[in-house]
């Protein structure tokens, strides 16, 4: 069964942010209002400070993925198991350690960015 698509960004200006775990791209307000569809355990919609901790405005490129499991690009970017939506190609920051621990507690994979 296919999951519902994630929200797509309502604008493509400076307010865009990317989730540090799944790389989903939305506006700050969208993360604040509805959280991250792939990472609901971050509860960004309940705690607005979490939006700043779990997302970054510093990312490279955006890709739209309609059918993640069948997309070679989504598999290559390790987003093939996430919902359809807009994703960044790369983030350069890591999740804070307490949130990395939360991922571990939730038994969800977290792949920190590769150091270049």
C-alpha atoms as a PDB file:
ATOM      1  CA  UNK A   1       0.000   0.000   0.000  1.00  0.00           C
ATOM      2  CA  UNK A   2       1.403   3.390  -0.960  1.00  0.00           C
ATOM      3  CA  UNK A   3       1.687   6.072   1.689  1.00  0.00           C
ATOM      4  CA  UNK A   4       0.124   9.461   1.133  1.00  0.00           C
ATOM      5  CA  UNK A   5       2.555  11.957  -0.321  1.00  0.00           C
ATOM      6  CA  UNK A   6       4.345  14.408   1.932  1.00  0.00           C
ATOM      7  CA  UNK A   7       3.453  18.085   1.630  1.00  0.00           C
ATOM      8  CA  UNK A   8       5.283  19.854  -1.143  1.00  0.00           C
ATOM      9  CA  UNK A   9       6.878  23.230  -0.365  1.00  0.00           C
ATOM     10  CA  UNK A  10       4.431  26.111  -0.646  1.00  0.00           C
ATOM     11  CA  UNK A  11       7.256  28.389  -1.779  1.00  0.00           C
ATOM     12  CA  UNK A  12      10.839  28.036  -2.913  1.00  0.00           C
ATOM     13  CA  UNK A  13      12.411  30.985  -1.127  1.00  0.00           C
ATOM     14  CA  UNK A  14      14.794  31.355   1.797  1.00  0.00           C
ATOM     15  CA  UNK A  15      12.353  29.781   4.252  1.00  0.00           C
ATOM     16  CA  UNK A  16      12.958  26.261   2.902  1.00  0.00           C
ATOM     17  CA  UNK A  17      14.423  23.713   5.312  1.00  0.00           C
ATOM     18  CA  UNK A  18      15.402  20.057   5.021  1.00  0.00           C
ATOM     19  CA  UNK A  19      14.856  17.356   7.651  1.00  0.00           C
ATOM     20  CA  UNK A  20      18.274  16.235   8.922  1.00  0.00           C
ATOM     21  CA  UNK A  21      17.163  12.589   9.062  1.00  0.00           C
ATOM     22  CA  UNK A  22      15.116  11.948   5.902  1.00  0.00           C
ATOM     23  CA  UNK A  23      16.057  15.023   3.798  1.00  0.00           C
ATOM     24  CA  UNK A  24      12.415  16.025   3.186  1.00  0.00           C
ATOM     25  CA  UNK A  25      12.205  19.659   2.037  1.00  0.00           C
ATOM     26  CA  UNK A  26       9.367  21.941   3.183  1.00  0.00           C
ATOM     27  CA  UNK A  27       9.045  25.476   4.506  1.00  0.00           C
ATOM     28  CA  UNK A  28       9.698  26.272   8.163  1.00  0.00           C
ATOM     29  CA  UNK A  29       5.975  26.962   8.643  1.00  0.00           C
ATOM     30  CA  UNK A  30       5.004  23.611   7.108  1.00  0.00           C
ATOM     31  CA  UNK A  31       7.333  21.718   9.471  1.00  0.00           C
ATOM     32  CA  UNK A  32       5.973  23.795  12.376  1.00  0.00           C
ATOM     33  CA  UNK A  33       2.347  23.088  11.461  1.00  0.00           C
ATOM     34  CA  UNK A  34       2.489  19.419  10.437  1.00  0.00           C
ATOM     35  CA  UNK A  35       5.944  18.102  11.338  1.00  0.00           C
ATOM     36  CA  UNK A  36       7.818  15.676   9.106  1.00  0.00           C
ATOM     37  CA  UNK A  37       5.733  12.959   7.468  1.00  0.00           C
ATOM     38  CA  UNK A  38       8.677  10.523   7.496  1.00  0.00           C
ATOM     39  CA  UNK A  39       9.812  11.315  11.052  1.00  0.00           C
ATOM     40  CA  UNK A  40       6.652  11.842  13.167  1.00  0.00           C
ATOM     41  CA  UNK A  41       8.541  10.814  16.341  1.00  0.00           C
ATOM     42  CA  UNK A  42      10.416  14.154  16.213  1.00  0.00           C
ATOM     43  CA  UNK A  43       7.035  15.813  17.061  1.00  0.00           C
ATOM     44  CA  UNK A  44       8.033  19.069  15.340  1.00  0.00           C
ATOM     45  CA  UNK A  45       4.362  20.074  15.161  1.00  0.00           C
ATOM     46  CA  UNK A  46       4.122  19.917  18.978  1.00  0.00           C
ATOM     47  CA  UNK A  47       7.428  21.629  19.831  1.00  0.00           C
ATOM     48  CA  UNK A  48       8.464  24.439  17.502  1.00  0.00           C
ATOM     49  CA  UNK A  49      12.032  24.465  18.876  1.00  0.00           C
ATOM     50  CA  UNK A  50      12.346  20.974  17.428  1.00  0.00           C
ATOM     51  CA  UNK A  51      11.952  22.394  13.903  1.00  0.00           C
ATOM     52  CA  UNK A  52      15.225  24.282  14.362  1.00  0.00           C
ATOM     53  CA  UNK A  53      16.944  21.210  15.872  1.00  0.00           C
ATOM     54  CA  UNK A  54      15.688  18.679  13.303  1.00  0.00           C
ATOM     55  CA  UNK A  55      15.940  20.715  10.100  1.00  0.00           C
ATOM     56  CA  UNK A  56      18.481  22.896   8.332  1.00  0.00           C
ATOM     57  CA  UNK A  57      18.326  25.698   5.778  1.00  0.00           C
ATOM     58  CA  UNK A  58      21.734  24.512   4.493  1.00  0.00           C
ATOM     59  CA  UNK A  59      21.247  21.874   1.848  1.00  0.00           C
ATOM     60  CA  UNK A  60      22.204  21.175  -1.746  1.00  0.00           C
ATOM     61  CA  UNK A  61      19.693  20.713  -4.563  1.00  0.00           C
ATOM     62  CA  UNK A  62      16.111  19.469  -4.575  1.00  0.00           C
ATOM     63  CA  UNK A  63      14.638  16.369  -6.204  1.00  0.00           C
ATOM     64  CA  UNK A  64      10.940  15.548  -6.496  1.00  0.00           C
ATOM     65  CA  UNK A  65      10.155  11.871  -6.054  1.00  0.00           C
ATOM     66  CA  UNK A  66       6.777  10.495  -7.168  1.00  0.00           C
ATOM     67  CA  UNK A  67       7.328   6.756  -6.619  1.00  0.00           C
ATOM     68  CA  UNK A  68      10.256   6.320  -4.191  1.00  0.00           C
ATOM     69  CA  UNK A  69      10.478   2.477  -4.197  1.00  0.00           C
ATOM     70  CA  UNK A  70      10.710   2.377  -8.008  1.00  0.00           C
ATOM     71  CA  UNK A  71      13.047   5.362  -8.410  1.00  0.00           C
ATOM     72  CA  UNK A  72      16.728   4.536  -8.856  1.00  0.00           C
ATOM     73  CA  UNK A  73      17.561   8.122  -7.808  1.00  0.00           C
ATOM     74  CA  UNK A  74      15.562   7.732  -4.588  1.00  0.00           C
ATOM     75  CA  UNK A  75      17.295   4.437  -3.810  1.00  0.00           C
ATOM     76  CA  UNK A  76      20.698   6.012  -4.561  1.00  0.00           C
ATOM     77  CA  UNK A  77      19.879   8.891  -2.183  1.00  0.00           C
ATOM     78  CA  UNK A  78      18.605   6.409   0.443  1.00  0.00           C
ATOM     79  CA  UNK A  79      15.101   7.885   0.376  1.00  0.00           C
ATOM     80  CA  UNK A  80      13.392   4.957  -1.396  1.00  0.00           C
ATOM     81  CA  UNK A  81      11.414   3.988   1.725  1.00  0.00           C
ATOM     82  CA  UNK A  82      10.065   7.482   2.356  1.00  0.00           C
ATOM     83  CA  UNK A  83       6.887   9.141   1.148  1.00  0.00           C
ATOM     84  CA  UNK A  84       6.622  10.803  -2.259  1.00  0.00           C
ATOM     85  CA  UNK A  85       7.679  14.449  -1.981  1.00  0.00           C
ATOM     86  CA  UNK A  86      10.530  16.923  -2.418  1.00  0.00           C
ATOM     87  CA  UNK A  87      13.918  15.981  -0.991  1.00  0.00           C
ATOM     88  CA  UNK A  88      17.365  17.500  -0.899  1.00  0.00           C
ATOM     89  CA  UNK A  89      20.324  15.762  -2.501  1.00  0.00           C
ATOM     90  CA  UNK A  90      22.561  16.465   0.497  1.00  0.00           C
ATOM     91  CA  UNK A  91      22.633  18.053   3.934  1.00  0.00           C
ATOM     92  CA  UNK A  92      25.943  18.997   5.522  1.00  0.00           C
ATOM     93  CA  UNK A  93      24.886  19.014   9.184  1.00  0.00           C
ATOM     94  CA  UNK A  94      24.269  16.111  11.559  1.00  0.00           C
ATOM     95  CA  UNK A  95      21.319  15.620  13.860  1.00  0.00           C
ATOM     96  CA  UNK A  96      22.054  16.667  17.454  1.00  0.00           C
ATOM     97  CA  UNK A  97      23.171  13.686  19.539  1.00  0.00           C
ATOM     98  CA  UNK A  98      19.981  13.528  21.643  1.00  0.00           C
ATOM     99  CA  UNK A  99      17.921  13.255  18.450  1.00  0.00           C
ATOM    100  CA  UNK A 100      20.280  10.606  17.034  1.00  0.00           C
ATOM    101  CA  UNK A 101      19.579   8.685  20.256  1.00  0.00           C
ATOM    102  CA  UNK A 102      15.831   9.174  19.705  1.00  0.00           C
ATOM    103  CA  UNK A 103      16.172   7.598  16.236  1.00  0.00           C
ATOM    104  CA  UNK A 104      17.930   4.640  17.852  1.00  0.00           C
ATOM    105  CA  UNK A 105      15.177   4.356  20.497  1.00  0.00           C
ATOM    106  CA  UNK A 106      12.550   4.434  17.707  1.00  0.00           C
ATOM    107  CA  UNK A 107      14.496   1.779  15.723  1.00  0.00           C
ATOM    108  CA  UNK A 108      14.722   4.001  12.646  1.00  0.00           C
ATOM    109  CA  UNK A 109      17.930   4.323  10.630  1.00  0.00           C
ATOM    110  CA  UNK A 110      19.871   7.569  10.689  1.00  0.00           C
ATOM    111  CA  UNK A 111      22.675   8.063   8.178  1.00  0.00           C
ATOM    112  CA  UNK A 112      24.809  11.084   9.100  1.00  0.00           C
ATOM    113  CA  UNK A 113      26.168  13.129   6.193  1.00  0.00           C
ATOM    114  CA  UNK A 114      29.425  11.891   4.733  1.00  0.00           C
ATOM    115  CA  UNK A 115      32.441  14.041   5.537  1.00  0.00           C
ATOM    116  CA  UNK A 116      34.068  15.258   2.362  1.00  0.00           C
END
